Amino acid sequence: MSDFAVVVTGGCGFIGSNFIRLLLRDVPGTVVLNIDLLTYAGNPANLADLAGNDRLVFHRCDIADRESLERAL
């Protein structure tokens, strides 16, 4: 069970992926929900080193699509 969860939008981009690494490294017990549409700046390879990490959950969706975002949350 996690202490709390953090939602990161755009987590497959440069800044988002490094922020996710920081959270997972420095905040024990945190689960990260990465929401990204994977457009021009989002690349899942930016988080390839975290594949299989049970504290990281990915959902591909557009934050402007309310129904999709509600399903992810």
N, C-alpha and C. Protein backbone atom coordinates (compact mmCIF):
# COMPACT_ATOMS: atom_id res chain seq x y z
N MET A 1 0.85 -1.18 0.00
CA MET A 1 0.00 0.00 0.00
C MET A 1 0.88 1.24 0.00
N SER A 2 0.53 2.20 -0.81
CA SER A 2 1.33 3.41 -0.89
C SER A 2 0.88 4.42 0.16
N ASP A 3 1.78 5.32 0.49
CA ASP A 3 1.44 6.41 1.40
C ASP A 3 0.53 7.42 0.69
N PHE A 4 0.85 7.71 -0.58
CA PHE A 4 0.02 8.59 -1.38
C PHE A 4 0.41 8.45 -2.84
N ALA A 5 -0.42 9.02 -3.71
CA ALA A 5 -0.18 8.96 -5.15
C ALA A 5 -0.02 10.37 -5.69
N VAL A 6 0.79 10.48 -6.72
CA VAL A 6 1.01 11.75 -7.40
C VAL A 6 0.66 11.55 -8.86
N VAL A 7 -0.12 12.46 -9.42
CA VAL A 7 -0.45 12.43 -10.84
C VAL A 7 0.51 13.38 -11.55
N VAL A 8 1.18 12.86 -12.57
CA VAL A 8 2.09 13.67 -13.39
C VAL A 8 1.54 13.66 -14.80
N THR A 9 1.24 14.84 -15.33
CA THR A 9 0.81 14.93 -16.72
C THR A 9 2.02 15.25 -17.57
N GLY A 10 2.10 14.59 -18.73
CA GLY A 10 3.25 14.79 -19.60
C GLY A 10 4.49 14.10 -19.08
N GLY A 11 4.32 13.00 -18.39
CA GLY A 11 5.45 12.32 -17.75
C GLY A 11 6.39 11.61 -18.70
N CYS A 12 6.05 11.52 -19.97
CA CYS A 12 6.96 10.90 -20.93
C CYS A 12 7.83 11.92 -21.65
N GLY A 13 7.67 13.18 -21.32
CA GLY A 13 8.53 14.23 -21.86
C GLY A 13 9.81 14.34 -21.03
N PHE A 14 10.69 15.23 -21.43
CA PHE A 14 11.98 15.38 -20.75
C PHE A 14 11.81 15.78 -19.29
N ILE A 15 11.08 16.84 -19.04
CA ILE A 15 10.92 17.33 -17.67
C ILE A 15 10.09 16.35 -16.85
N GLY A 16 8.97 15.89 -17.40
CA GLY A 16 8.10 14.98 -16.68
C GLY A 16 8.78 13.68 -16.29
N SER A 17 9.56 13.10 -17.20
CA SER A 17 10.23 11.83 -16.91
C SER A 17 11.28 12.00 -15.81
N ASN A 18 11.96 13.11 -15.81
CA ASN A 18 12.95 13.34 -14.75
C ASN A 18 12.27 13.65 -13.42
N PHE A 19 11.12 14.31 -13.46
CA PHE A 19 10.36 14.55 -12.24
C PHE A 19 9.86 13.22 -11.64
N ILE A 20 9.42 12.32 -12.51
CA ILE A 20 8.98 11.00 -12.05
C ILE A 20 10.13 10.26 -11.39
N ARG A 21 11.31 10.29 -11.99
CA ARG A 21 12.48 9.64 -11.39
C ARG A 21 12.78 10.22 -10.01
N LEU A 22 12.70 11.54 -9.89
CA LEU A 22 12.94 12.21 -8.62
C LEU A 22 11.94 11.74 -7.57
N LEU A 23 10.66 11.71 -7.93
CA LEU A 23 9.64 11.26 -6.97
C LEU A 23 9.89 9.83 -6.52
N LEU A 24 10.14 8.94 -7.47
CA LEU A 24 10.33 7.53 -7.12
C LEU A 24 11.59 7.32 -6.29
N ARG A 25 12.60 8.13 -6.54
CA ARG A 25 13.86 7.99 -5.80
C ARG A 25 13.79 8.63 -4.42
N ASP A 26 13.19 9.80 -4.32
CA ASP A 26 13.29 10.59 -3.09
C ASP A 26 12.06 10.58 -2.18
N VAL A 27 10.95 10.04 -2.66
CA VAL A 27 9.73 10.03 -1.85
C VAL A 27 9.25 8.59 -1.70
N PRO A 28 9.76 7.89 -0.69
CA PRO A 28 9.39 6.49 -0.50
C PRO A 28 7.88 6.33 -0.30
N GLY A 29 7.35 5.25 -0.83
CA GLY A 29 5.93 4.97 -0.66
C GLY A 29 5.02 5.67 -1.64
N THR A 30 5.58 6.49 -2.51
CA THR A 30 4.78 7.23 -3.48
C THR A 30 4.51 6.37 -4.71
N VAL A 31 3.27 6.38 -5.17
CA VAL A 31 2.91 5.79 -6.44
C VAL A 31 2.69 6.94 -7.41
N VAL A 32 3.23 6.83 -8.62
CA VAL A 32 3.12 7.88 -9.61
C VAL A 32 2.20 7.42 -10.74
N LEU A 33 1.18 8.21 -11.03
CA LEU A 33 0.31 7.98 -12.17
C LEU A 33 0.75 8.94 -13.26
N ASN A 34 1.31 8.39 -14.32
CA ASN A 34 1.80 9.18 -15.44
C ASN A 34 0.72 9.20 -16.51
N ILE A 35 0.22 10.40 -16.82
CA ILE A 35 -0.79 10.57 -17.86
C ILE A 35 -0.16 11.36 -18.99
N ASP A 36 -0.12 10.76 -20.17
CA ASP A 36 0.53 11.41 -21.31
C ASP A 36 -0.19 10.99 -22.59
N LEU A 37 -0.36 11.92 -23.50
CA LEU A 37 -0.99 11.64 -24.79
C LEU A 37 0.03 11.11 -25.81
N LEU A 38 1.30 11.24 -25.50
CA LEU A 38 2.38 10.78 -26.38
C LEU A 38 2.34 11.48 -27.73
N THR A 39 2.31 12.81 -27.69
CA THR A 39 2.38 13.58 -28.93
C THR A 39 3.85 13.82 -29.26
N TYR A 40 4.19 14.93 -29.87
CA TYR A 40 5.54 15.19 -30.35
C TYR A 40 6.61 15.14 -29.25
N ALA A 41 6.28 15.53 -28.03
CA ALA A 41 7.29 15.61 -26.97
C ALA A 41 7.32 14.38 -26.07
N GLY A 42 6.27 13.60 -26.09
CA GLY A 42 6.19 12.44 -25.20
C GLY A 42 6.77 11.21 -25.85
N ASN A 43 7.70 10.58 -25.17
CA ASN A 43 8.34 9.38 -25.69
C ASN A 43 8.47 8.37 -24.56
N PRO A 44 7.79 7.23 -24.67
CA PRO A 44 7.86 6.24 -23.59
C PRO A 44 9.29 5.75 -23.34
N ALA A 45 10.17 5.87 -24.30
CA ALA A 45 11.56 5.45 -24.11
C ALA A 45 12.24 6.28 -23.03
N ASN A 46 11.71 7.47 -22.75
CA ASN A 46 12.28 8.30 -21.68
C ASN A 46 12.15 7.65 -20.31
N LEU A 47 11.24 6.69 -20.19
CA LEU A 47 11.04 6.00 -18.91
C LEU A 47 11.35 4.51 -19.01
N ALA A 48 12.04 4.10 -20.05
CA ALA A 48 12.33 2.68 -20.27
C ALA A 48 13.08 2.06 -19.10
N ASP A 49 13.92 2.83 -18.45
CA ASP A 49 14.69 2.31 -17.31
C ASP A 49 13.82 2.01 -16.10
N LEU A 50 12.58 2.49 -16.10
CA LEU A 50 11.66 2.25 -14.99
C LEU A 50 10.62 1.18 -15.31
N ALA A 51 10.77 0.52 -16.44
CA ALA A 51 9.82 -0.54 -16.82
C ALA A 51 9.76 -1.59 -15.73
N GLY A 52 8.57 -1.99 -15.39
CA GLY A 52 8.39 -3.00 -14.35
C GLY A 52 8.33 -2.44 -12.95
N ASN A 53 8.51 -1.15 -12.78
CA ASN A 53 8.43 -0.54 -11.45
C ASN A 53 6.96 -0.51 -11.02
N ASP A 54 6.64 -1.20 -9.96
CA ASP A 54 5.25 -1.30 -9.53
C ASP A 54 4.71 -0.02 -8.90
N ARG A 55 5.55 0.98 -8.74
CA ARG A 55 5.11 2.27 -8.21
C ARG A 55 4.82 3.28 -9.32
N LEU A 56 4.93 2.84 -10.58
CA LEU A 56 4.69 3.72 -11.72
C LEU A 56 3.59 3.12 -12.58
N VAL A 57 2.54 3.91 -12.79
CA VAL A 57 1.40 3.49 -13.61
C VAL A 57 1.27 4.48 -14.76
N PHE A 58 1.08 3.97 -15.98
CA PHE A 58 0.97 4.82 -17.16
C PHE A 58 -0.41 4.68 -17.78
N HIS A 59 -1.00 5.82 -18.14
CA HIS A 59 -2.25 5.86 -18.90
C HIS A 59 -2.05 6.84 -20.06
N ARG A 60 -2.31 6.33 -21.27
CA ARG A 60 -2.26 7.22 -22.44
C ARG A 60 -3.63 7.85 -22.60
N CYS A 61 -3.69 9.14 -22.36
CA CYS A 61 -4.95 9.86 -22.56
C CYS A 61 -4.68 11.35 -22.66
N ASP A 62 -5.68 12.03 -23.17
CA ASP A 62 -5.64 13.48 -23.34
C ASP A 62 -6.31 14.12 -22.13
N ILE A 63 -5.61 14.99 -21.43
CA ILE A 63 -6.20 15.61 -20.24
C ILE A 63 -7.38 16.52 -20.59
N ALA A 64 -7.52 16.86 -21.87
CA ALA A 64 -8.67 17.66 -22.30
C ALA A 64 -9.91 16.79 -22.54
N ASP A 65 -9.75 15.48 -22.53
CA ASP A 65 -10.85 14.53 -22.70
C ASP A 65 -11.30 14.08 -21.32
N ARG A 66 -12.33 14.69 -20.82
CA ARG A 66 -12.77 14.47 -19.43
C ARG A 66 -13.05 12.99 -19.14
N GLU A 67 -13.75 12.30 -20.02
CA GLU A 67 -14.09 10.89 -19.79
C GLU A 67 -12.84 10.03 -19.70
N SER A 68 -11.92 10.25 -20.61
CA SER A 68 -10.67 9.49 -20.60
C SER A 68 -9.87 9.76 -19.33
N LEU A 69 -9.82 11.00 -18.93
CA LEU A 69 -9.09 11.37 -17.72
C LEU A 69 -9.76 10.77 -16.48
N GLU A 70 -11.07 10.79 -16.41
CA GLU A 70 -11.76 10.19 -15.27
C GLU A 70 -11.49 8.68 -15.20
N ARG A 71 -11.42 8.00 -16.33
CA ARG A 71 -11.11 6.57 -16.33
C ARG A 71 -9.70 6.33 -15.80
N ALA A 72 -8.77 7.19 -16.19
CA ALA A 72 -7.38 7.04 -15.74
C ALA A 72 -7.27 7.25 -14.23
N LEU A 73 -8.02 8.22 -13.73
CA LEU A 73 -7.95 8.52 -12.31
C LEU A 73 -8.72 7.50 -11.49
